[in-house]
Amino acid sequence: MNTAAINSYSADILQGLGAISGNEAALARVAKYVRRVVKEQEKDPTLMTEEEFFAMLERGEEEYRQGKTKQINTVEELNTFLNSL
């Protein structure tokens, strides 16, 4: 997480909201867009919490210990694996 970028975006958003604070129609459009972005983010299967990420790593480590994983040693093996997905 890039805190400086997040702070910059937050400042831009708040400044923009201040500029349109008297325009009900513009605020309604912003609110509609924000709701849409939030809904899209909730549906994104690639997003995970820090806890979910580390749990995934632990599952992978356990599978490796049990011999349930396959080592890929060459680019050709990687391409074969990726093409099989």
PDB file of N, CA and C in Angstrom:
ATOM      1  N   MET A   1       0.851  -1.176   0.000  1.00  0.00           N
ATOM      2  CA  MET A   1       0.000   0.000   0.000  1.00  0.00           C
ATOM      3  C   MET A   1       0.891   1.231   0.000  1.00  0.00           C
ATOM      4  N   ASN A   2       0.666   2.099  -0.954  1.00  0.00           N
ATOM      5  CA  ASN A   2       1.432   3.326  -1.062  1.00  0.00           C
ATOM      6  C   ASN A   2       0.673   4.431  -0.331  1.00  0.00           C
ATOM      7  N   THR A   3       1.070   4.705   0.899  1.00  0.00           N
ATOM      8  CA  THR A   3       0.365   5.660   1.746  1.00  0.00           C
ATOM      9  C   THR A   3       0.375   7.067   1.159  1.00  0.00           C
ATOM     10  N   ALA A   4       1.491   7.458   0.563  1.00  0.00           N
ATOM     11  CA  ALA A   4       1.570   8.806  -0.019  1.00  0.00           C
ATOM     12  C   ALA A   4       0.563   8.965  -1.151  1.00  0.00           C
ATOM     13  N   ALA A   5       0.439   7.936  -1.998  1.00  0.00           N
ATOM     14  CA  ALA A   5      -0.519   8.003  -3.109  1.00  0.00           C
ATOM     15  C   ALA A   5      -1.943   8.042  -2.575  1.00  0.00           C
ATOM     16  N   ILE A   6      -2.230   7.222  -1.573  1.00  0.00           N
ATOM     17  CA  ILE A   6      -3.579   7.202  -0.990  1.00  0.00           C
ATOM     18  C   ILE A   6      -3.912   8.569  -0.399  1.00  0.00           C
ATOM     19  N   ASN A   7      -2.974   9.160   0.315  1.00  0.00           N
ATOM     20  CA  ASN A   7      -3.211  10.495   0.888  1.00  0.00           C
ATOM     21  C   ASN A   7      -3.450  11.528  -0.201  1.00  0.00           C
ATOM     22  N   SER A   8      -2.713  11.420  -1.297  1.00  0.00           N
ATOM     23  CA  SER A   8      -2.888  12.357  -2.403  1.00  0.00           C
ATOM     24  C   SER A   8      -4.260  12.200  -3.044  1.00  0.00           C
ATOM     25  N   TYR A   9      -4.664  10.941  -3.282  1.00  0.00           N
ATOM     26  CA  TYR A   9      -6.001  10.694  -3.857  1.00  0.00           C
ATOM     27  C   TYR A   9      -7.093  11.191  -2.920  1.00  0.00           C
ATOM     28  N   SER A  10      -6.929  10.930  -1.630  1.00  0.00           N
ATOM     29  CA  SER A  10      -7.929  11.374  -0.655  1.00  0.00           C
ATOM     30  C   SER A  10      -8.063  12.893  -0.674  1.00  0.00           C
ATOM     31  N   ALA A  11      -6.930  13.577  -0.730  1.00  0.00           N
ATOM     32  CA  ALA A  11      -6.960  15.047  -0.765  1.00  0.00           C
ATOM     33  C   ALA A  11      -7.636  15.537  -2.040  1.00  0.00           C
ATOM     34  N   ASP A  12      -7.329  14.911  -3.164  1.00  0.00           N
ATOM     35  CA  ASP A  12      -7.951  15.296  -4.434  1.00  0.00           C
ATOM     36  C   ASP A  12      -9.460  15.101  -4.380  1.00  0.00           C
ATOM     37  N   ILE A  13      -9.875  13.967  -3.827  1.00  0.00           N
ATOM     38  CA  ILE A  13     -11.310  13.668  -3.748  1.00  0.00           C
ATOM     39  C   ILE A  13     -12.010  14.680  -2.854  1.00  0.00           C
ATOM     40  N   LEU A  14     -11.441  14.945  -1.684  1.00  0.00           N
ATOM     41  CA  LEU A  14     -12.072  15.891  -0.762  1.00  0.00           C
ATOM     42  C   LEU A  14     -12.102  17.304  -1.347  1.00  0.00           C
ATOM     43  N   GLN A  15     -11.041  17.692  -2.033  1.00  0.00           N
ATOM     44  CA  GLN A  15     -11.015  19.011  -2.669  1.00  0.00           C
ATOM     45  C   GLN A  15     -12.086  19.101  -3.751  1.00  0.00           C
ATOM     46  N   GLY A  16     -12.210  18.029  -4.542  1.00  0.00           N
ATOM     47  CA  GLY A  16     -13.231  18.012  -5.582  1.00  0.00           C
ATOM     48  C   GLY A  16     -14.634  18.056  -5.007  1.00  0.00           C
ATOM     49  N   LEU A  17     -14.862  17.327  -3.922  1.00  0.00           N
ATOM     50  CA  LEU A  17     -16.173  17.353  -3.279  1.00  0.00           C
ATOM     51  C   LEU A  17     -16.491  18.745  -2.743  1.00  0.00           C
ATOM     52  N   GLY A  18     -15.467  19.398  -2.205  1.00  0.00           N
ATOM     53  CA  GLY A  18     -15.676  20.766  -1.718  1.00  0.00           C
ATOM     54  C   GLY A  18     -16.084  21.700  -2.838  1.00  0.00           C
ATOM     55  N   ALA A  19     -15.479  21.499  -3.997  1.00  0.00           N
ATOM     56  CA  ALA A  19     -15.764  22.374  -5.142  1.00  0.00           C
ATOM     57  C   ALA A  19     -17.193  22.193  -5.655  1.00  0.00           C
ATOM     58  N   ILE A  20     -17.750  20.981  -5.514  1.00  0.00           N
ATOM     59  CA  ILE A  20     -19.104  20.742  -6.025  1.00  0.00           C
ATOM     60  C   ILE A  20     -20.135  20.625  -4.907  1.00  0.00           C
ATOM     61  N   SER A  21     -19.759  20.997  -3.692  1.00  0.00           N
ATOM     62  CA  SER A  21     -20.640  20.785  -2.538  1.00  0.00           C
ATOM     63  C   SER A  21     -21.996  21.473  -2.661  1.00  0.00           C
ATOM     64  N   GLY A  22     -22.107  22.497  -3.450  1.00  0.00           N
ATOM     65  CA  GLY A  22     -23.383  23.183  -3.610  1.00  0.00           C
ATOM     66  C   GLY A  22     -24.206  22.667  -4.780  1.00  0.00           C
ATOM     67  N   ASN A  23     -23.702  21.690  -5.499  1.00  0.00           N
ATOM     68  CA  ASN A  23     -24.374  21.193  -6.699  1.00  0.00           C
ATOM     69  C   ASN A  23     -24.931  19.789  -6.417  1.00  0.00           C
ATOM     70  N   GLU A  24     -26.216  19.729  -6.134  1.00  0.00           N
ATOM     71  CA  GLU A  24     -26.843  18.458  -5.758  1.00  0.00           C
ATOM     72  C   GLU A  24     -26.742  17.406  -6.861  1.00  0.00           C
ATOM     73  N   ALA A  25     -26.919  17.821  -8.094  1.00  0.00           N
ATOM     74  CA  ALA A  25     -26.863  16.868  -9.209  1.00  0.00           C
ATOM     75  C   ALA A  25     -25.461  16.277  -9.342  1.00  0.00           C
ATOM     76  N   ALA A  26     -24.441  17.108  -9.204  1.00  0.00           N
ATOM     77  CA  ALA A  26     -23.057  16.614  -9.296  1.00  0.00           C
ATOM     78  C   ALA A  26     -22.745  15.675  -8.144  1.00  0.00           C
ATOM     79  N   LEU A  27     -23.196  16.012  -6.938  1.00  0.00           N
ATOM     80  CA  LEU A  27     -22.970  15.146  -5.781  1.00  0.00           C
ATOM     81  C   LEU A  27     -23.682  13.805  -5.953  1.00  0.00           C
ATOM     82  N   ALA A  28     -24.868  13.834  -6.535  1.00  0.00           N
ATOM     83  CA  ALA A  28     -25.602  12.591  -6.775  1.00  0.00           C
ATOM     84  C   ALA A  28     -24.828  11.703  -7.752  1.00  0.00           C
ATOM     85  N   ARG A  29     -24.245  12.299  -8.791  1.00  0.00           N
ATOM     86  CA  ARG A  29     -23.445  11.524  -9.756  1.00  0.00           C
ATOM     87  C   ARG A  29     -22.220  10.913  -9.079  1.00  0.00           C
ATOM     88  N   VAL A  30     -21.556  11.694  -8.214  1.00  0.00           N
ATOM     89  CA  VAL A  30     -20.378  11.189  -7.506  1.00  0.00           C
ATOM     90  C   VAL A  30     -20.776  10.033  -6.595  1.00  0.00           C
ATOM     91  N   ALA A  31     -21.866  10.191  -5.869  1.00  0.00           N
ATOM     92  CA  ALA A  31     -22.324   9.127  -4.970  1.00  0.00           C
ATOM     93  C   ALA A  31     -22.657   7.863  -5.747  1.00  0.00           C
ATOM     94  N   LYS A  32     -23.300   8.017  -6.897  1.00  0.00           N
ATOM     95  CA  LYS A  32     -23.640   6.859  -7.720  1.00  0.00           C
ATOM     96  C   LYS A  32     -22.374   6.152  -8.190  1.00  0.00           C
ATOM     97  N   TYR A  33     -21.381   6.923  -8.619  1.00  0.00           N
ATOM     98  CA  TYR A  33     -20.129   6.339  -9.088  1.00  0.00           C
ATOM     99  C   TYR A  33     -19.397   5.624  -7.944  1.00  0.00           C
ATOM    100  N   VAL A  34     -19.353   6.239  -6.775  1.00  0.00           N
ATOM    101  CA  VAL A  34     -18.681   5.621  -5.625  1.00  0.00           C
ATOM    102  C   VAL A  34     -19.359   4.302  -5.260  1.00  0.00           C
ATOM    103  N   ARG A  35     -20.688   4.272  -5.266  1.00  0.00           N
ATOM    104  CA  ARG A  35     -21.401   3.014  -4.974  1.00  0.00           C
ATOM    105  C   ARG A  35     -21.036   1.945  -5.992  1.00  0.00           C
ATOM    106  N   ARG A  36     -20.913   2.325  -7.276  1.00  0.00           N
ATOM    107  CA  ARG A  36     -20.570   1.372  -8.329  1.00  0.00           C
ATOM    108  C   ARG A  36     -19.149   0.825  -8.121  1.00  0.00           C
ATOM    109  N   VAL A  37     -18.211   1.697  -7.781  1.00  0.00           N
ATOM    110  CA  VAL A  37     -16.825   1.263  -7.549  1.00  0.00           C
ATOM    111  C   VAL A  37     -16.758   0.312  -6.351  1.00  0.00           C
ATOM    112  N   VAL A  38     -17.473   0.626  -5.296  1.00  0.00           N
ATOM    113  CA  VAL A  38     -17.489  -0.237  -4.106  1.00  0.00           C
ATOM    114  C   VAL A  38     -18.064  -1.601  -4.457  1.00  0.00           C
ATOM    115  N   LYS A  39     -19.149  -1.622  -5.222  1.00  0.00           N
ATOM    116  CA  LYS A  39     -19.772  -2.889  -5.607  1.00  0.00           C
ATOM    117  C   LYS A  39     -18.820  -3.716  -6.476  1.00  0.00           C
ATOM    118  N   GLU A  40     -18.125  -3.075  -7.413  1.00  0.00           N
ATOM    119  CA  GLU A  40     -17.167  -3.786  -8.268  1.00  0.00           C
ATOM    120  C   GLU A  40     -16.034  -4.364  -7.441  1.00  0.00           C
ATOM    121  N   GLN A  41     -15.577  -3.614  -6.455  1.00  0.00           N
ATOM    122  CA  GLN A  41     -14.476  -4.077  -5.615  1.00  0.00           C
ATOM    123  C   GLN A  41     -14.912  -5.287  -4.793  1.00  0.00           C
ATOM    124  N   GLU A  42     -16.143  -5.293  -4.327  1.00  0.00           N
ATOM    125  CA  GLU A  42     -16.643  -6.428  -3.547  1.00  0.00           C
ATOM    126  C   GLU A  42     -16.696  -7.694  -4.387  1.00  0.00           C
ATOM    127  N   LYS A  43     -16.925  -7.540  -5.699  1.00  0.00           N
ATOM    128  CA  LYS A  43     -17.044  -8.694  -6.589  1.00  0.00           C
ATOM    129  C   LYS A  43     -15.690  -9.192  -7.092  1.00  0.00           C
ATOM    130  N   ASP A  44     -14.626  -8.422  -6.923  1.00  0.00           N
ATOM    131  CA  ASP A  44     -13.327  -8.761  -7.487  1.00  0.00           C
ATOM    132  C   ASP A  44     -12.706  -9.944  -6.742  1.00  0.00           C
ATOM    133  N   PRO A  45     -12.606 -11.105  -7.394  1.00  0.00           N
ATOM    134  CA  PRO A  45     -12.077 -12.285  -6.716  1.00  0.00           C
ATOM    135  C   PRO A  45     -10.568 -12.212  -6.473  1.00  0.00           C
ATOM    136  N   THR A  46      -9.888 -11.248  -7.097  1.00  0.00           N
ATOM    137  CA  THR A  46      -8.440 -11.151  -6.901  1.00  0.00           C
ATOM    138  C   THR A  46      -8.089 -10.367  -5.648  1.00  0.00           C
ATOM    139  N   LEU A  47      -9.048  -9.678  -5.063  1.00  0.00           N
ATOM    140  CA  LEU A  47      -8.779  -8.916  -3.857  1.00  0.00           C
ATOM    141  C   LEU A  47      -8.905  -9.812  -2.631  1.00  0.00           C
ATOM    142  N   MET A  48      -7.988  -9.648  -1.681  1.00  0.00           N
ATOM    143  CA  MET A  48      -8.061 -10.424  -0.450  1.00  0.00           C
ATOM    144  C   MET A  48      -7.465  -9.605   0.679  1.00  0.00           C
ATOM    145  N   THR A  49      -7.862  -9.965   1.876  1.00  0.00           N
ATOM    146  CA  THR A  49      -7.319  -9.292   3.043  1.00  0.00           C
ATOM    147  C   THR A  49      -5.925  -9.844   3.330  1.00  0.00           C
ATOM    148  N   GLU A  50      -5.218  -9.169   4.192  1.00  0.00           N
ATOM    149  CA  GLU A  50      -3.886  -9.639   4.584  1.00  0.00           C
ATOM    150  C   GLU A  50      -3.974 -11.029   5.209  1.00  0.00           C
ATOM    151  N   GLU A  51      -4.993 -11.247   6.036  1.00  0.00           N
ATOM    152  CA  GLU A  51      -5.172 -12.546   6.677  1.00  0.00           C
ATOM    153  C   GLU A  51      -5.423 -13.644   5.645  1.00  0.00           C
ATOM    154  N   GLU A  52      -6.254 -13.347   4.644  1.00  0.00           N
ATOM    155  CA  GLU A  52      -6.522 -14.330   3.586  1.00  0.00           C
ATOM    156  C   GLU A  52      -5.254 -14.642   2.794  1.00  0.00           C
ATOM    157  N   PHE A  53      -4.443 -13.623   2.547  1.00  0.00           N
ATOM    158  CA  PHE A  53      -3.209 -13.819   1.797  1.00  0.00           C
ATOM    159  C   PHE A  53      -2.265 -14.766   2.532  1.00  0.00           C
ATOM    160  N   PHE A  54      -2.049 -14.509   3.824  1.00  0.00           N
ATOM    161  CA  PHE A  54      -1.132 -15.356   4.577  1.00  0.00           C
ATOM    162  C   PHE A  54      -1.693 -16.755   4.783  1.00  0.00           C
ATOM    163  N   ALA A  55      -3.003 -16.887   4.899  1.00  0.00           N
ATOM    164  CA  ALA A  55      -3.616 -18.216   4.987  1.00  0.00           C
ATOM    165  C   ALA A  55      -3.387 -18.994   3.694  1.00  0.00           C
ATOM    166  N   MET A  56      -3.473 -18.299   2.546  1.00  0.00           N
ATOM    167  CA  MET A  56      -3.221 -18.936   1.259  1.00  0.00           C
ATOM    168  C   MET A  56      -1.775 -19.428   1.188  1.00  0.00           C
ATOM    169  N   LEU A  57      -0.834 -18.600   1.667  1.00  0.00           N
ATOM    170  CA  LEU A  57       0.570 -19.005   1.668  1.00  0.00           C
ATOM    171  C   LEU A  57       0.796 -20.227   2.558  1.00  0.00           C
ATOM    172  N   GLU A  58       0.144 -20.243   3.707  1.00  0.00           N
ATOM    173  CA  GLU A  58       0.290 -21.382   4.613  1.00  0.00           C
ATOM    174  C   GLU A  58      -0.280 -22.660   3.999  1.00  0.00           C
ATOM    175  N   ARG A  59      -1.417 -22.543   3.298  1.00  0.00           N
ATOM    176  CA  ARG A  59      -1.987 -23.721   2.618  1.00  0.00           C
ATOM    177  C   ARG A  59      -1.021 -24.235   1.556  1.00  0.00           C
ATOM    178  N   GLY A  60      -0.412 -23.308   0.810  1.00  0.00           N
ATOM    179  CA  GLY A  60       0.550 -23.700  -0.212  1.00  0.00           C
ATOM    180  C   GLY A  60       1.766 -24.378   0.380  1.00  0.00           C
ATOM    181  N   GLU A  61       2.236 -23.873   1.505  1.00  0.00           N
ATOM    182  CA  GLU A  61       3.389 -24.484   2.171  1.00  0.00           C
ATOM    183  C   GLU A  61       3.044 -25.896   2.645  1.00  0.00           C
ATOM    184  N   GLU A  62       1.856 -26.059   3.179  1.00  0.00           N
ATOM    185  CA  GLU A  62       1.420 -27.385   3.645  1.00  0.00           C
ATOM    186  C   GLU A  62       1.305 -28.355   2.465  1.00  0.00           C
ATOM    187  N   GLU A  63       0.760 -27.902   1.348  1.00  0.00           N
ATOM    188  CA  GLU A  63       0.652 -28.747   0.166  1.00  0.00           C
ATOM    189  C   GLU A  63       2.040 -29.136  -0.343  1.00  0.00           C
ATOM    190  N   TYR A  64       2.982 -28.203  -0.253  1.00  0.00           N
ATOM    191  CA  TYR A  64       4.351 -28.498  -0.680  1.00  0.00           C
ATOM    192  C   TYR A  64       4.946 -29.591   0.203  1.00  0.00           C
ATOM    193  N   ARG A  65       4.754 -29.483   1.503  1.00  0.00           N
ATOM    194  CA  ARG A  65       5.284 -30.485   2.436  1.00  0.00           C
ATOM    195  C   ARG A  65       4.664 -31.857   2.202  1.00  0.00           C
ATOM    196  N   GLN A  66       3.424 -31.891   1.771  1.00  0.00           N
ATOM    197  CA  GLN A  66       2.732 -33.160   1.534  1.00  0.00           C
ATOM    198  C   GLN A  66       3.018 -33.704   0.138  1.00  0.00           C
ATOM    199  N   GLY A  67       3.814 -32.987  -0.645  1.00  0.00           N
ATOM    200  CA  GLY A  67       4.153 -33.447  -1.978  1.00  0.00           C
ATOM    201  C   GLY A  67       3.046 -33.251  -2.997  1.00  0.00           C
ATOM    202  N   LYS A  68       2.116 -32.339  -2.713  1.00  0.00           N
ATOM    203  CA  LYS A  68       0.982 -32.106  -3.614  1.00  0.00           C
ATOM    204  C   LYS A  68       1.279 -31.031  -4.653  1.00  0.00           C
ATOM    205  N   THR A  69       2.510 -30.546  -4.676  1.00  0.00           N
ATOM    206  CA  THR A  69       2.856 -29.487  -5.630  1.00  0.00           C
ATOM    207  C   THR A  69       3.826 -30.022  -6.672  1.00  0.00           C
ATOM    208  N   LYS A  70       3.966 -29.284  -7.752  1.00  0.00           N
ATOM    209  CA  LYS A  70       4.880 -29.671  -8.817  1.00  0.00           C
ATOM    210  C   LYS A  70       5.878 -28.553  -9.020  1.00  0.00           C
ATOM    211  N   GLN A  71       7.144 -28.907  -9.091  1.00  0.00           N
ATOM    212  CA  GLN A  71       8.183 -27.918  -9.337  1.00  0.00           C
ATOM    213  C   GLN A  71       8.311 -27.705 -10.834  1.00  0.00           C
ATOM    214  N   ILE A  72       8.395 -26.451 -11.233  1.00  0.00           N
ATOM    215  CA  ILE A  72       8.560 -26.099 -12.647  1.00  0.00           C
ATOM    216  C   ILE A  72       9.990 -25.611 -12.814  1.00  0.00           C
ATOM    217  N   ASN A  73      10.751 -26.349 -13.645  1.00  0.00           N
ATOM    218  CA  ASN A  73      12.178 -26.073 -13.771  1.00  0.00           C
ATOM    219  C   ASN A  73      12.569 -25.326 -15.034  1.00  0.00           C
ATOM    220  N   THR A  74      11.721 -25.349 -16.045  1.00  0.00           N
ATOM    221  CA  THR A  74      12.091 -24.701 -17.306  1.00  0.00           C
ATOM    222  C   THR A  74      10.949 -23.827 -17.796  1.00  0.00           C
ATOM    223  N   VAL A  75      11.284 -22.963 -18.725  1.00  0.00           N
ATOM    224  CA  VAL A  75      10.276 -22.086 -19.328  1.00  0.00           C
ATOM    225  C   VAL A  75       9.248 -22.934 -20.078  1.00  0.00           C
ATOM    226  N   GLU A  76       9.703 -23.990 -20.710  1.00  0.00           N
ATOM    227  CA  GLU A  76       8.789 -24.862 -21.456  1.00  0.00           C
ATOM    228  C   GLU A  76       7.764 -25.506 -20.520  1.00  0.00           C
ATOM    229  N   GLU A  77       8.229 -25.969 -19.356  1.00  0.00           N
ATOM    230  CA  GLU A  77       7.307 -26.547 -18.375  1.00  0.00           C
ATOM    231  C   GLU A  77       6.308 -25.501 -17.897  1.00  0.00           C
ATOM    232  N   LEU A  78       6.772 -24.285 -17.682  1.00  0.00           N
ATOM    233  CA  LEU A  78       5.884 -23.201 -17.258  1.00  0.00           C
ATOM    234  C   LEU A  78       4.843 -22.917 -18.330  1.00  0.00           C
ATOM    235  N   ASN A  79       5.283 -22.822 -19.590  1.00  0.00           N
ATOM    236  CA  ASN A  79       4.337 -22.571 -20.676  1.00  0.00           C
ATOM    237  C   ASN A  79       3.320 -23.699 -20.801  1.00  0.00           C
ATOM    238  N   THR A  80       3.757 -24.933 -20.668  1.00  0.00           N
ATOM    239  CA  THR A  80       2.844 -26.075 -20.732  1.00  0.00           C
ATOM    240  C   THR A  80       1.806 -25.981 -19.618  1.00  0.00           C
ATOM    241  N   PHE A  81       2.285 -25.661 -18.410  1.00  0.00           N
ATOM    242  CA  PHE A  81       1.362 -25.537 -17.276  1.00  0.00           C
ATOM    243  C   PHE A  81       0.367 -24.406 -17.507  1.00  0.00           C
ATOM    244  N   LEU A  82       0.852 -23.245 -17.928  1.00  0.00           N
ATOM    245  CA  LEU A  82      -0.038 -22.099 -18.127  1.00  0.00           C
ATOM    246  C   LEU A  82      -1.040 -22.362 -19.242  1.00  0.00           C
ATOM    247  N   ASN A  83      -0.627 -23.040 -20.297  1.00  0.00           N
ATOM    248  CA  ASN A  83      -1.537 -23.355 -21.385  1.00  0.00           C
ATOM    249  C   ASN A  83      -2.593 -24.374 -20.980  1.00  0.00           C
ATOM    250  N   SER A  84      -2.307 -25.142 -19.930  1.00  0.00           N
ATOM    251  CA  SER A  84      -3.268 -26.154 -19.490  1.00  0.00           C
ATOM    252  C   SER A  84      -4.387 -25.553 -18.638  1.00  0.00           C
ATOM    253  N   LEU A  85      -4.199 -24.320 -18.203  1.00  0.00           N
ATOM    254  CA  LEU A  85      -5.208 -23.708 -17.323  1.00  0.00           C
ATOM    255  C   LEU A  85      -6.432 -23.263 -18.088  1.00  0.00           C
TER     256      LEU A  85
END
